[in-house]
Amino acid sequence: MDTIIIQDLAVLYRVGAPDAERATPQKLLITVELGCDFSRAAAADDLKHTIDYHAVCNRLLGLGEGRKWKLIETLAVEIAELMLAEFGARTASVEVKKFILPDPRHVAVRVTRSRSV
């Protein structure tokens, strides 16, 4: 299986267990790895036969508008399921990095979802 990787897309989402943490958007970094088959796209050299990573980025950048999540786990699962449903990925691995604690560089979650072909 082939993979499209979008690494560390910076987004501003309202995420956090306490209400106060969700009061203002905070920067998160999102990495998605989308499993698909490039053979048809490569043979035709045509974007319509693959996943448009520009469209994926735009969808993720707009996802947080008017939305709030308590857990980055919930957010990661939602993004993975979105990648399968809207973009036709066979598999989707999503990592969400959050910069809330003072000592570690970041905290992160990673989920992987797949659909039957």
PDB file of N, CA and C in Angstrom:
ATOM      1  N   MET A   1       0.841  -1.174   0.000  1.00  0.00           N
ATOM      2  CA  MET A   1       0.000   0.000   0.000  1.00  0.00           C
ATOM      3  C   MET A   1       0.888   1.241   0.000  1.00  0.00           C
ATOM      4  N   ASP A   2       0.437   2.249  -0.686  1.00  0.00           N
ATOM      5  CA  ASP A   2       1.160   3.511  -0.774  1.00  0.00           C
ATOM      6  C   ASP A   2       0.630   4.460   0.302  1.00  0.00           C
ATOM      7  N   THR A   3       1.409   5.480   0.617  1.00  0.00           N
ATOM      8  CA  THR A   3       1.037   6.368   1.716  1.00  0.00           C
ATOM      9  C   THR A   3       1.275   7.824   1.364  1.00  0.00           C
ATOM     10  N   ILE A   4       0.274   8.646   1.627  1.00  0.00           N
ATOM     11  CA  ILE A   4       0.418  10.099   1.581  1.00  0.00           C
ATOM     12  C   ILE A   4       0.621  10.556   3.014  1.00  0.00           C
ATOM     13  N   ILE A   5       1.637  11.374   3.246  1.00  0.00           N
ATOM     14  CA  ILE A   5       1.947  11.848   4.596  1.00  0.00           C
ATOM     15  C   ILE A   5       1.869  13.367   4.621  1.00  0.00           C
ATOM     16  N   ILE A   6       1.055  13.867   5.521  1.00  0.00           N
ATOM     17  CA  ILE A   6       0.999  15.305   5.805  1.00  0.00           C
ATOM     18  C   ILE A   6       1.488  15.433   7.237  1.00  0.00           C
ATOM     19  N   GLN A   7       2.642  16.041   7.410  1.00  0.00           N
ATOM     20  CA  GLN A   7       3.280  16.044   8.721  1.00  0.00           C
ATOM     21  C   GLN A   7       3.216  17.411   9.378  1.00  0.00           C
ATOM     22  N   ASP A   8       2.736  17.413  10.617  1.00  0.00           N
ATOM     23  CA  ASP A   8       2.743  18.591  11.492  1.00  0.00           C
ATOM     24  C   ASP A   8       2.030  19.797  10.885  1.00  0.00           C
ATOM     25  N   LEU A   9       0.815  19.583  10.394  1.00  0.00           N
ATOM     26  CA  LEU A   9      -0.018  20.693   9.942  1.00  0.00           C
ATOM     27  C   LEU A   9      -0.459  21.476  11.171  1.00  0.00           C
ATOM     28  N   ALA A  10      -0.126  22.758  11.226  1.00  0.00           N
ATOM     29  CA  ALA A  10      -0.485  23.602  12.370  1.00  0.00           C
ATOM     30  C   ALA A  10      -1.930  24.068  12.223  1.00  0.00           C
ATOM     31  N   VAL A  11      -2.729  23.806  13.258  1.00  0.00           N
ATOM     32  CA  VAL A  11      -4.123  24.232  13.288  1.00  0.00           C
ATOM     33  C   VAL A  11      -4.397  24.926  14.618  1.00  0.00           C
ATOM     34  N   LEU A  12      -5.451  25.707  14.661  1.00  0.00           N
ATOM     35  CA  LEU A  12      -5.904  26.337  15.896  1.00  0.00           C
ATOM     36  C   LEU A  12      -7.280  25.787  16.232  1.00  0.00           C
ATOM     37  N   TYR A  13      -7.349  24.946  17.269  1.00  0.00           N
ATOM     38  CA  TYR A  13      -8.601  24.321  17.691  1.00  0.00           C
ATOM     39  C   TYR A  13      -8.811  24.593  19.176  1.00  0.00           C
ATOM     40  N   ARG A  14     -10.056  24.514  19.584  1.00  0.00           N
ATOM     41  CA  ARG A  14     -10.411  24.623  21.007  1.00  0.00           C
ATOM     42  C   ARG A  14     -10.495  23.204  21.576  1.00  0.00           C
ATOM     43  N   VAL A  15      -9.470  22.834  22.327  1.00  0.00           N
ATOM     44  CA  VAL A  15      -9.378  21.477  22.866  1.00  0.00           C
ATOM     45  C   VAL A  15      -8.921  21.545  24.307  1.00  0.00           C
ATOM     46  N   GLY A  16      -9.562  20.770  25.171  1.00  0.00           N
ATOM     47  CA  GLY A  16      -9.106  20.670  26.551  1.00  0.00           C
ATOM     48  C   GLY A  16     -10.209  20.175  27.459  1.00  0.00           C
ATOM     49  N   ALA A  17      -9.842  19.404  28.457  1.00  0.00           N
ATOM     50  CA  ALA A  17     -10.826  18.879  29.400  1.00  0.00           C
ATOM     51  C   ALA A  17     -11.472  19.992  30.229  1.00  0.00           C
ATOM     52  N   PRO A  18     -10.696  20.929  30.787  1.00  0.00           N
ATOM     53  CA  PRO A  18     -11.329  22.017  31.540  1.00  0.00           C
ATOM     54  C   PRO A  18     -11.976  23.040  30.594  1.00  0.00           C
ATOM     55  N   ASP A  19     -13.104  23.602  31.014  1.00  0.00           N
ATOM     56  CA  ASP A  19     -13.781  24.630  30.211  1.00  0.00           C
ATOM     57  C   ASP A  19     -12.846  25.776  29.869  1.00  0.00           C
ATOM     58  N   ALA A  20     -12.033  26.189  30.832  1.00  0.00           N
ATOM     59  CA  ALA A  20     -11.138  27.333  30.627  1.00  0.00           C
ATOM     60  C   ALA A  20     -10.136  27.067  29.507  1.00  0.00           C
ATOM     61  N   GLU A  21      -9.721  25.827  29.367  1.00  0.00           N
ATOM     62  CA  GLU A  21      -8.748  25.498  28.320  1.00  0.00           C
ATOM     63  C   GLU A  21      -9.366  25.588  26.922  1.00  0.00           C
ATOM     64  N   ARG A  22     -10.675  25.358  26.846  1.00  0.00           N
ATOM     65  CA  ARG A  22     -11.368  25.441  25.560  1.00  0.00           C
ATOM     66  C   ARG A  22     -11.830  26.860  25.234  1.00  0.00           C
ATOM     67  N   ALA A  23     -11.564  27.810  26.121  1.00  0.00           N
ATOM     68  CA  ALA A  23     -12.040  29.186  25.926  1.00  0.00           C
ATOM     69  C   ALA A  23     -11.382  29.866  24.730  1.00  0.00           C
ATOM     70  N   THR A  24     -10.130  29.529  24.479  1.00  0.00           N
ATOM     71  CA  THR A  24      -9.429  30.134  23.343  1.00  0.00           C
ATOM     72  C   THR A  24      -8.781  29.029  22.507  1.00  0.00           C
ATOM     73  N   PRO A  25      -8.679  29.231  21.206  1.00  0.00           N
ATOM     74  CA  PRO A  25      -8.027  28.225  20.363  1.00  0.00           C
ATOM     75  C   PRO A  25      -6.555  28.083  20.731  1.00  0.00           C
ATOM     76  N   GLN A  26      -6.054  26.871  20.621  1.00  0.00           N
ATOM     77  CA  GLN A  26      -4.635  26.627  20.862  1.00  0.00           C
ATOM     78  C   GLN A  26      -4.038  25.891  19.669  1.00  0.00           C
ATOM     79  N   LYS A  27      -2.762  26.095  19.498  1.00  0.00           N
ATOM     80  CA  LYS A  27      -2.064  25.469  18.374  1.00  0.00           C
ATOM     81  C   LYS A  27      -1.879  23.982  18.638  1.00  0.00           C
ATOM     82  N   LEU A  28      -2.241  23.188  17.652  1.00  0.00           N
ATOM     83  CA  LEU A  28      -1.988  21.759  17.641  1.00  0.00           C
ATOM     84  C   LEU A  28      -1.249  21.439  16.351  1.00  0.00           C
ATOM     85  N   LEU A  29      -0.495  20.370  16.351  1.00  0.00           N
ATOM     86  CA  LEU A  29       0.122  19.874  15.123  1.00  0.00           C
ATOM     87  C   LEU A  29      -0.514  18.535  14.786  1.00  0.00           C
ATOM     88  N   ILE A  30      -0.991  18.425  13.557  1.00  0.00           N
ATOM     89  CA  ILE A  30      -1.667  17.209  13.118  1.00  0.00           C
ATOM     90  C   ILE A  30      -0.852  16.552  12.007  1.00  0.00           C
ATOM     91  N   THR A  31      -0.604  15.265  12.181  1.00  0.00           N
ATOM     92  CA  THR A  31       0.032  14.462  11.143  1.00  0.00           C
ATOM     93  C   THR A  31      -0.963  13.398  10.711  1.00  0.00           C
ATOM     94  N   VAL A  32      -1.160  13.288   9.396  1.00  0.00           N
ATOM     95  CA  VAL A  32      -2.014  12.224   8.870  1.00  0.00           C
ATOM     96  C   VAL A  32      -1.207  11.396   7.874  1.00  0.00           C
ATOM     97  N   GLU A  33      -1.394  10.101   7.937  1.00  0.00           N
ATOM     98  CA  GLU A  33      -0.808   9.169   6.976  1.00  0.00           C
ATOM     99  C   GLU A  33      -1.968   8.405   6.362  1.00  0.00           C
ATOM    100  N   LEU A  34      -2.142   8.586   5.053  1.00  0.00           N
ATOM    101  CA  LEU A  34      -3.291   8.026   4.356  1.00  0.00           C
ATOM    102  C   LEU A  34      -2.840   6.916   3.423  1.00  0.00           C
ATOM    103  N   GLY A  35      -3.314   5.719   3.675  1.00  0.00           N
ATOM    104  CA  GLY A  35      -2.981   4.580   2.835  1.00  0.00           C
ATOM    105  C   GLY A  35      -3.911   4.511   1.640  1.00  0.00           C
ATOM    106  N   CYS A  36      -3.317   4.360   0.476  1.00  0.00           N
ATOM    107  CA  CYS A  36      -4.086   4.276  -0.763  1.00  0.00           C
ATOM    108  C   CYS A  36      -3.229   3.577  -1.812  1.00  0.00           C
ATOM    109  N   ASP A  37      -3.722   3.503  -3.019  1.00  0.00           N
ATOM    110  CA  ASP A  37      -2.995   2.870  -4.117  1.00  0.00           C
ATOM    111  C   ASP A  37      -2.674   3.937  -5.152  1.00  0.00           C
ATOM    112  N   PHE A  38      -1.391   4.205  -5.363  1.00  0.00           N
ATOM    113  CA  PHE A  38      -0.964   5.240  -6.313  1.00  0.00           C
ATOM    114  C   PHE A  38      -0.877   4.750  -7.756  1.00  0.00           C
ATOM    115  N   SER A  39      -1.039   3.457  -7.997  1.00  0.00           N
ATOM    116  CA  SER A  39      -0.712   2.920  -9.319  1.00  0.00           C
ATOM    117  C   SER A  39      -1.497   3.591 -10.446  1.00  0.00           C
ATOM    118  N   ARG A  40      -2.781   3.786 -10.278  1.00  0.00           N
ATOM    119  CA  ARG A  40      -3.587   4.415 -11.332  1.00  0.00           C
ATOM    120  C   ARG A  40      -3.201   5.879 -11.521  1.00  0.00           C
ATOM    121  N   ALA A  41      -3.022   6.598 -10.416  1.00  0.00           N
ATOM    122  CA  ALA A  41      -2.628   8.011 -10.500  1.00  0.00           C
ATOM    123  C   ALA A  41      -1.258   8.155 -11.150  1.00  0.00           C
ATOM    124  N   ALA A  42      -0.334   7.284 -10.777  1.00  0.00           N
ATOM    125  CA  ALA A  42       1.019   7.362 -11.339  1.00  0.00           C
ATOM    126  C   ALA A  42       1.019   7.034 -12.829  1.00  0.00           C
ATOM    127  N   ALA A  43       0.235   6.050 -13.220  1.00  0.00           N
ATOM    128  CA  ALA A  43       0.181   5.663 -14.633  1.00  0.00           C
ATOM    129  C   ALA A  43      -0.412   6.776 -15.492  1.00  0.00           C
ATOM    130  N   ALA A  44      -1.432   7.451 -14.955  1.00  0.00           N
ATOM    131  CA  ALA A  44      -2.103   8.510 -15.714  1.00  0.00           C
ATOM    132  C   ALA A  44      -1.516   9.889 -15.436  1.00  0.00           C
ATOM    133  N   ASP A  45      -0.693   9.981 -14.394  1.00  0.00           N
ATOM    134  CA  ASP A  45      -0.159  11.272 -13.946  1.00  0.00           C
ATOM    135  C   ASP A  45      -1.304  12.269 -13.754  1.00  0.00           C
ATOM    136  N   ASP A  46      -2.334  11.797 -13.014  1.00  0.00           N
ATOM    137  CA  ASP A  46      -3.575  12.558 -12.892  1.00  0.00           C
ATOM    138  C   ASP A  46      -4.041  12.596 -11.435  1.00  0.00           C
ATOM    139  N   LEU A  47      -4.244  13.789 -10.925  1.00  0.00           N
ATOM    140  CA  LEU A  47      -4.651  14.008  -9.537  1.00  0.00           C
ATOM    141  C   LEU A  47      -5.987  13.357  -9.206  1.00  0.00           C
ATOM    142  N   LYS A  48      -6.871  13.240 -10.169  1.00  0.00           N
ATOM    143  CA  LYS A  48      -8.203  12.706  -9.869  1.00  0.00           C
ATOM    144  C   LYS A  48      -8.175  11.236  -9.451  1.00  0.00           C
ATOM    145  N   HIS A  49      -7.042  10.566  -9.615  1.00  0.00           N
ATOM    146  CA  HIS A  49      -6.931   9.159  -9.244  1.00  0.00           C
ATOM    147  C   HIS A  49      -6.190   8.950  -7.921  1.00  0.00           C
ATOM    148  N   THR A  50      -6.028  10.009  -7.157  1.00  0.00           N
ATOM    149  CA  THR A  50      -5.349   9.895  -5.865  1.00  0.00           C
ATOM    150  C   THR A  50      -6.034  10.815  -4.865  1.00  0.00           C
ATOM    151  N   ILE A  51      -5.507  10.891  -3.674  1.00  0.00           N
ATOM    152  CA  ILE A  51      -6.038  11.786  -2.647  1.00  0.00           C
ATOM    153  C   ILE A  51      -5.349  13.134  -2.792  1.00  0.00           C
ATOM    154  N   ASP A  52      -6.130  14.171  -2.897  1.00  0.00           N
ATOM    155  CA  ASP A  52      -5.623  15.533  -3.053  1.00  0.00           C
ATOM    156  C   ASP A  52      -5.187  16.051  -1.679  1.00  0.00           C
ATOM    157  N   TYR A  53      -3.890  16.058  -1.424  1.00  0.00           N
ATOM    158  CA  TYR A  53      -3.419  16.454  -0.093  1.00  0.00           C
ATOM    159  C   TYR A  53      -3.677  17.921   0.194  1.00  0.00           C
ATOM    160  N   HIS A  54      -3.783  18.752  -0.827  1.00  0.00           N
ATOM    161  CA  HIS A  54      -4.143  20.159  -0.620  1.00  0.00           C
ATOM    162  C   HIS A  54      -5.572  20.249  -0.077  1.00  0.00           C
ATOM    163  N   ALA A  55      -6.478  19.467  -0.630  1.00  0.00           N
ATOM    164  CA  ALA A  55      -7.863  19.435  -0.150  1.00  0.00           C
ATOM    165  C   ALA A  55      -7.934  18.900   1.278  1.00  0.00           C
ATOM    166  N   VAL A  56      -7.113  17.899   1.589  1.00  0.00           N
ATOM    167  CA  VAL A  56      -7.069  17.363   2.955  1.00  0.00           C
ATOM    168  C   VAL A  56      -6.636  18.462   3.929  1.00  0.00           C
ATOM    169  N   CYS A  57      -5.577  19.182   3.592  1.00  0.00           N
ATOM    170  CA  CYS A  57      -5.097  20.259   4.466  1.00  0.00           C
ATOM    171  C   CYS A  57      -6.170  21.320   4.671  1.00  0.00           C
ATOM    172  N   ASN A  58      -6.822  21.728   3.598  1.00  0.00           N
ATOM    173  CA  ASN A  58      -7.878  22.736   3.724  1.00  0.00           C
ATOM    174  C   ASN A  58      -9.021  22.249   4.602  1.00  0.00           C
ATOM    175  N   ARG A  59      -9.376  20.977   4.472  1.00  0.00           N
ATOM    176  CA  ARG A  59     -10.453  20.414   5.299  1.00  0.00           C
ATOM    177  C   ARG A  59     -10.059  20.425   6.767  1.00  0.00           C
ATOM    178  N   LEU A  60      -8.820  20.061   7.053  1.00  0.00           N
ATOM    179  CA  LEU A  60      -8.355  20.052   8.441  1.00  0.00           C
ATOM    180  C   LEU A  60      -8.246  21.462   9.006  1.00  0.00           C
ATOM    181  N   LEU A  61      -7.795  22.400   8.201  1.00  0.00           N
ATOM    182  CA  LEU A  61      -7.681  23.782   8.679  1.00  0.00           C
ATOM    183  C   LEU A  61      -9.044  24.357   9.041  1.00  0.00           C
ATOM    184  N   GLY A  62     -10.084  23.966   8.327  1.00  0.00           N
ATOM    185  CA  GLY A  62     -11.421  24.476   8.603  1.00  0.00           C
ATOM    186  C   GLY A  62     -12.214  23.668   9.608  1.00  0.00           C
ATOM    187  N   LEU A  63     -11.724  22.500   9.981  1.00  0.00           N
ATOM    188  CA  LEU A  63     -12.475  21.596  10.850  1.00  0.00           C
ATOM    189  C   LEU A  63     -12.806  22.202  12.211  1.00  0.00           C
ATOM    190  N   GLY A  64     -11.930  23.031  12.734  1.00  0.00           N
ATOM    191  CA  GLY A  64     -12.112  23.561  14.077  1.00  0.00           C
ATOM    192  C   GLY A  64     -13.039  24.757  14.186  1.00  0.00           C
ATOM    193  N   GLU A  65     -13.504  25.282  13.067  1.00  0.00           N
ATOM    194  CA  GLU A  65     -14.354  26.471  13.108  1.00  0.00           C
ATOM    195  C   GLU A  65     -15.663  26.167  13.833  1.00  0.00           C
ATOM    196  N   GLY A  66     -15.877  26.874  14.952  1.00  0.00           N
ATOM    197  CA  GLY A  66     -17.090  26.700  15.729  1.00  0.00           C
ATOM    198  C   GLY A  66     -17.186  25.393  16.486  1.00  0.00           C
ATOM    199  N   ARG A  67     -16.092  24.677  16.618  1.00  0.00           N
ATOM    200  CA  ARG A  67     -16.085  23.360  17.252  1.00  0.00           C
ATOM    201  C   ARG A  67     -15.220  23.371  18.502  1.00  0.00           C
ATOM    202  N   LYS A  68     -15.522  22.432  19.413  1.00  0.00           N
ATOM    203  CA  LYS A  68     -14.725  22.230  20.625  1.00  0.00           C
ATOM    204  C   LYS A  68     -14.655  20.733  20.908  1.00  0.00           C
ATOM    205  N   TRP A  69     -13.512  20.307  21.421  1.00  0.00           N
ATOM    206  CA  TRP A  69     -13.322  18.928  21.852  1.00  0.00           C
ATOM    207  C   TRP A  69     -12.717  18.945  23.252  1.00  0.00           C
ATOM    208  N   LYS A  70     -13.126  18.007  24.095  1.00  0.00           N
ATOM    209  CA  LYS A  70     -12.507  17.876  25.411  1.00  0.00           C
ATOM    210  C   LYS A  70     -11.207  17.085  25.323  1.00  0.00           C
ATOM    211  N   LEU A  71     -11.169  16.092  24.447  1.00  0.00           N
ATOM    212  CA  LEU A  71     -10.014  15.191  24.378  1.00  0.00           C
ATOM    213  C   LEU A  71      -9.386  15.194  22.994  1.00  0.00           C
ATOM    214  N   ILE A  72      -8.065  15.162  22.955  1.00  0.00           N
ATOM    215  CA  ILE A  72      -7.406  15.024  21.656  1.00  0.00           C
ATOM    216  C   ILE A  72      -7.632  13.616  21.094  1.00  0.00           C
ATOM    217  N   GLU A  73      -7.943  12.668  21.959  1.00  0.00           N
ATOM    218  CA  GLU A  73      -8.279  11.324  21.490  1.00  0.00           C
ATOM    219  C   GLU A  73      -9.535  11.362  20.615  1.00  0.00           C
ATOM    220  N   THR A  74     -10.544  12.092  21.066  1.00  0.00           N
ATOM    221  CA  THR A  74     -11.790  12.230  20.305  1.00  0.00           C
ATOM    222  C   THR A  74     -11.520  12.901  18.970  1.00  0.00           C
ATOM    223  N   LEU A  75     -10.720  13.946  18.994  1.00  0.00           N
ATOM    224  CA  LEU A  75     -10.371  14.674  17.780  1.00  0.00           C
ATOM    225  C   LEU A  75      -9.644  13.766  16.788  1.00  0.00           C
ATOM    226  N   ALA A  76      -8.682  12.997  17.263  1.00  0.00           N
ATOM    227  CA  ALA A  76      -7.903  12.118  16.381  1.00  0.00           C
ATOM    228  C   ALA A  76      -8.791  11.067  15.718  1.00  0.00           C
ATOM    229  N   VAL A  77      -9.694  10.473  16.483  1.00  0.00           N
ATOM    230  CA  VAL A  77     -10.612   9.477  15.916  1.00  0.00           C
ATOM    231  C   VAL A  77     -11.511  10.127  14.871  1.00  0.00           C
ATOM    232  N   GLU A  78     -12.024  11.310  15.166  1.00  0.00           N
ATOM    233  CA  GLU A  78     -12.884  12.010  14.212  1.00  0.00           C
ATOM    234  C   GLU A  78     -12.147  12.289  12.900  1.00  0.00           C
ATOM    235  N   ILE A  79     -10.912  12.742  13.003  1.00  0.00           N
ATOM    236  CA  ILE A  79     -10.133  13.030  11.791  1.00  0.00           C
ATOM    237  C   ILE A  79      -9.882  11.755  10.995  1.00  0.00           C
ATOM    238  N   ALA A  80      -9.514  10.673  11.669  1.00  0.00           N
ATOM    239  CA  ALA A  80      -9.253   9.410  10.966  1.00  0.00           C
ATOM    240  C   ALA A  80     -10.500   8.940  10.223  1.00  0.00           C
ATOM    241  N   GLU A  81     -11.640   8.992  10.876  1.00  0.00           N
ATOM    242  CA  GLU A  81     -12.883   8.559  10.238  1.00  0.00           C
ATOM    243  C   GLU A  81     -13.255   9.474   9.075  1.00  0.00           C
ATOM    244  N   LEU A  82     -12.971  10.754   9.210  1.00  0.00           N
ATOM    245  CA  LEU A  82     -13.209  11.722   8.139  1.00  0.00           C
ATOM    246  C   LEU A  82     -12.356  11.399   6.912  1.00  0.00           C
ATOM    247  N   MET A  83     -11.099  11.035   7.142  1.00  0.00           N
ATOM    248  CA  MET A  83     -10.200  10.709   6.031  1.00  0.00           C
ATOM    249  C   MET A  83     -10.701   9.491   5.251  1.00  0.00           C
ATOM    250  N   LEU A  84     -11.254   8.524   5.958  1.00  0.00           N
ATOM    251  CA  LEU A  84     -11.790   7.340   5.292  1.00  0.00           C
ATOM    252  C   LEU A  84     -13.058   7.681   4.516  1.00  0.00           C
ATOM    253  N   ALA A  85     -13.960   8.420   5.145  1.00  0.00           N
ATOM    254  CA  ALA A  85     -15.271   8.698   4.551  1.00  0.00           C
ATOM    255  C   ALA A  85     -15.219   9.724   3.428  1.00  0.00           C
ATOM    256  N   GLU A  86     -14.500  10.813   3.639  1.00  0.00           N
ATOM    257  CA  GLU A  86     -14.527  11.905   2.665  1.00  0.00           C
ATOM    258  C   GLU A  86     -13.455  11.808   1.587  1.00  0.00           C
ATOM    259  N   PHE A  87     -12.331  11.201   1.917  1.00  0.00           N
ATOM    260  CA  PHE A  87     -11.221  11.191   0.964  1.00  0.00           C
ATOM    261  C   PHE A  87     -10.907   9.808   0.406  1.00  0.00           C
ATOM    262  N   GLY A  88     -11.618   8.797   0.878  1.00  0.00           N
ATOM    263  CA  GLY A  88     -11.468   7.468   0.310  1.00  0.00           C
ATOM    264  C   GLY A  88     -10.186   6.744   0.658  1.00  0.00           C
ATOM    265  N   ALA A  89      -9.515   7.177   1.711  1.00  0.00           N
ATOM    266  CA  ALA A  89      -8.304   6.466   2.130  1.00  0.00           C
ATOM    267  C   ALA A  89      -8.679   5.057   2.589  1.00  0.00           C
ATOM    268  N   ARG A  90      -7.799   4.108   2.335  1.00  0.00           N
ATOM    269  CA  ARG A  90      -8.015   2.742   2.835  1.00  0.00           C
ATOM    270  C   ARG A  90      -7.684   2.659   4.315  1.00  0.00           C
ATOM    271  N   THR A  91      -6.621   3.360   4.700  1.00  0.00           N
ATOM    272  CA  THR A  91      -6.236   3.455   6.105  1.00  0.00           C
ATOM    273  C   THR A  91      -5.924   4.910   6.410  1.00  0.00           C
ATOM    274  N   ALA A  92      -6.086   5.255   7.669  1.00  0.00           N
ATOM    275  CA  ALA A  92      -5.748   6.609   8.103  1.00  0.00           C
ATOM    276  C   ALA A  92      -5.139   6.530   9.489  1.00  0.00           C
ATOM    277  N   SER A  93      -3.899   6.997   9.606  1.00  0.00           N
ATOM    278  CA  SER A  93      -3.255   7.149  10.906  1.00  0.00           C
ATOM    279  C   SER A  93      -3.178   8.640  11.182  1.00  0.00           C
ATOM    280  N   VAL A  94      -3.589   9.012  12.372  1.00  0.00           N
ATOM    281  CA  VAL A  94      -3.636  10.427  12.742  1.00  0.00           C
ATOM    282  C   VAL A  94      -2.915  10.609  14.066  1.00  0.00           C
ATOM    283  N   GLU A  95      -2.019  11.582  14.091  1.00  0.00           N
ATOM    284  CA  GLU A  95      -1.338  11.960  15.325  1.00  0.00           C
ATOM    285  C   GLU A  95      -1.668  13.413  15.611  1.00  0.00           C
ATOM    286  N   VAL A  96      -2.078  13.684  16.844  1.00  0.00           N
ATOM    287  CA  VAL A  96      -2.373  15.046  17.278  1.00  0.00           C
ATOM    288  C   VAL A  96      -1.409  15.390  18.405  1.00  0.00           C
ATOM    289  N   LYS A  97      -0.645  16.465  18.205  1.00  0.00           N
ATOM    290  CA  LYS A  97       0.303  16.937  19.219  1.00  0.00           C
ATOM    291  C   LYS A  97      -0.259  18.195  19.870  1.00  0.00           C
ATOM    292  N   LYS A  98      -0.132  18.239  21.192  1.00  0.00           N
ATOM    293  CA  LYS A  98      -0.651  19.354  21.982  1.00  0.00           C
ATOM    294  C   LYS A  98       0.471  19.859  22.887  1.00  0.00           C
ATOM    295  N   PHE A  99       0.537  21.163  23.045  1.00  0.00           N
ATOM    296  CA  PHE A  99       1.641  21.793  23.782  1.00  0.00           C
ATOM    297  C   PHE A  99       1.110  22.443  25.053  1.00  0.00           C
ATOM    298  N   ILE A 100       0.627  21.633  25.977  1.00  0.00           N
ATOM    299  CA  ILE A 100      -0.052  22.159  27.158  1.00  0.00           C
ATOM    300  C   ILE A 100       0.772  22.028  28.438  1.00  0.00           C
ATOM    301  N   LEU A 101       1.653  21.050  28.506  1.00  0.00           N
ATOM    302  CA  LEU A 101       2.430  20.822  29.724  1.00  0.00           C
ATOM    303  C   LEU A 101       3.792  21.498  29.618  1.00  0.00           C
ATOM    304  N   PRO A 102       4.312  22.004  30.737  1.00  0.00           N
ATOM    305  CA  PRO A 102       5.560  22.760  30.674  1.00  0.00           C
ATOM    306  C   PRO A 102       6.815  21.913  30.453  1.00  0.00           C
ATOM    307  N   ASP A 103       6.827  20.673  30.891  1.00  0.00           N
ATOM    308  CA  ASP A 103       8.066  19.907  30.834  1.00  0.00           C
ATOM    309  C   ASP A 103       8.287  19.131  29.536  1.00  0.00           C
ATOM    310  N   PRO A 104       7.323  18.353  29.057  1.00  0.00           N
ATOM    311  CA  PRO A 104       7.579  17.671  27.784  1.00  0.00           C
ATOM    312  C   PRO A 104       7.440  18.635  26.608  1.00  0.00           C
ATOM    313  N   ARG A 105       8.109  18.310  25.526  1.00  0.00           N
ATOM    314  CA  ARG A 105       7.985  19.115  24.303  1.00  0.00           C
ATOM    315  C   ARG A 105       6.521  19.179  23.871  1.00  0.00           C
ATOM    316  N   HIS A 106       5.835  18.028  23.939  1.00  0.00           N
ATOM    317  CA  HIS A 106       4.415  17.965  23.620  1.00  0.00           C
ATOM    318  C   HIS A 106       3.850  16.660  24.169  1.00  0.00           C
ATOM    319  N   VAL A 107       2.534  16.585  24.203  1.00  0.00           N
ATOM    320  CA  VAL A 107       1.847  15.317  24.428  1.00  0.00           C
ATOM    321  C   VAL A 107       1.151  14.985  23.112  1.00  0.00           C
ATOM    322  N   ALA A 108       0.949  13.705  22.854  1.00  0.00           N
ATOM    323  CA  ALA A 108       0.361  13.323  21.575  1.00  0.00           C
ATOM    324  C   ALA A 108      -0.449  12.044  21.718  1.00  0.00           C
ATOM    325  N   VAL A 109      -1.394  11.900  20.804  1.00  0.00           N
ATOM    326  CA  VAL A 109      -2.104  10.635  20.638  1.00  0.00           C
ATOM    327  C   VAL A 109      -2.000  10.245  19.174  1.00  0.00           C
ATOM    328  N   ARG A 110      -2.056   8.949  18.926  1.00  0.00           N
ATOM    329  CA  ARG A 110      -2.042   8.439  17.547  1.00  0.00           C
ATOM    330  C   ARG A 110      -3.105   7.351  17.450  1.00  0.00           C
ATOM    331  N   VAL A 111      -3.938   7.455  16.421  1.00  0.00           N
ATOM    332  CA  VAL A 111      -4.945   6.434  16.155  1.00  0.00           C
ATOM    333  C   VAL A 111      -4.807   5.977  14.705  1.00  0.00           C
ATOM    334  N   THR A 112      -5.214   4.752  14.455  1.00  0.00           N
ATOM    335  CA  THR A 112      -5.232   4.211  13.096  1.00  0.00           C
ATOM    336  C   THR A 112      -6.581   3.550  12.869  1.00  0.00           C
ATOM    337  N   ARG A 113      -7.175   3.889  11.744  1.00  0.00           N
ATOM    338  CA  ARG A 113      -8.452   3.302  11.350  1.00  0.00           C
ATOM    339  C   ARG A 113      -8.326   2.817   9.910  1.00  0.00           C
ATOM    340  N   SER A 114      -9.129   1.819   9.564  1.00  0.00           N
ATOM    341  CA  SER A 114      -9.119   1.318   8.191  1.00  0.00           C
ATOM    342  C   SER A 114     -10.541   0.971   7.779  1.00  0.00           C
ATOM    343  N   ARG A 115     -10.722   0.878   6.482  1.00  0.00           N
ATOM    344  CA  ARG A 115     -12.022   0.475   5.953  1.00  0.00           C
ATOM    345  C   ARG A 115     -11.806  -0.719   5.040  1.00  0.00           C
ATOM    346  N   SER A 116     -12.839  -1.519   4.877  1.00  0.00           N
ATOM    347  CA  SER A 116     -12.729  -2.645   3.951  1.00  0.00           C
ATOM    348  C   SER A 116     -12.875  -2.126   2.530  1.00  0.00           C
ATOM    349  N   VAL A 117     -12.150  -2.742   1.624  1.00  0.00           N
ATOM    350  CA  VAL A 117     -12.144  -2.280   0.229  1.00  0.00           C
ATOM    351  C   VAL A 117     -13.107  -3.097  -0.594  1.00  0.00           C
TER     352      VAL A 117
END
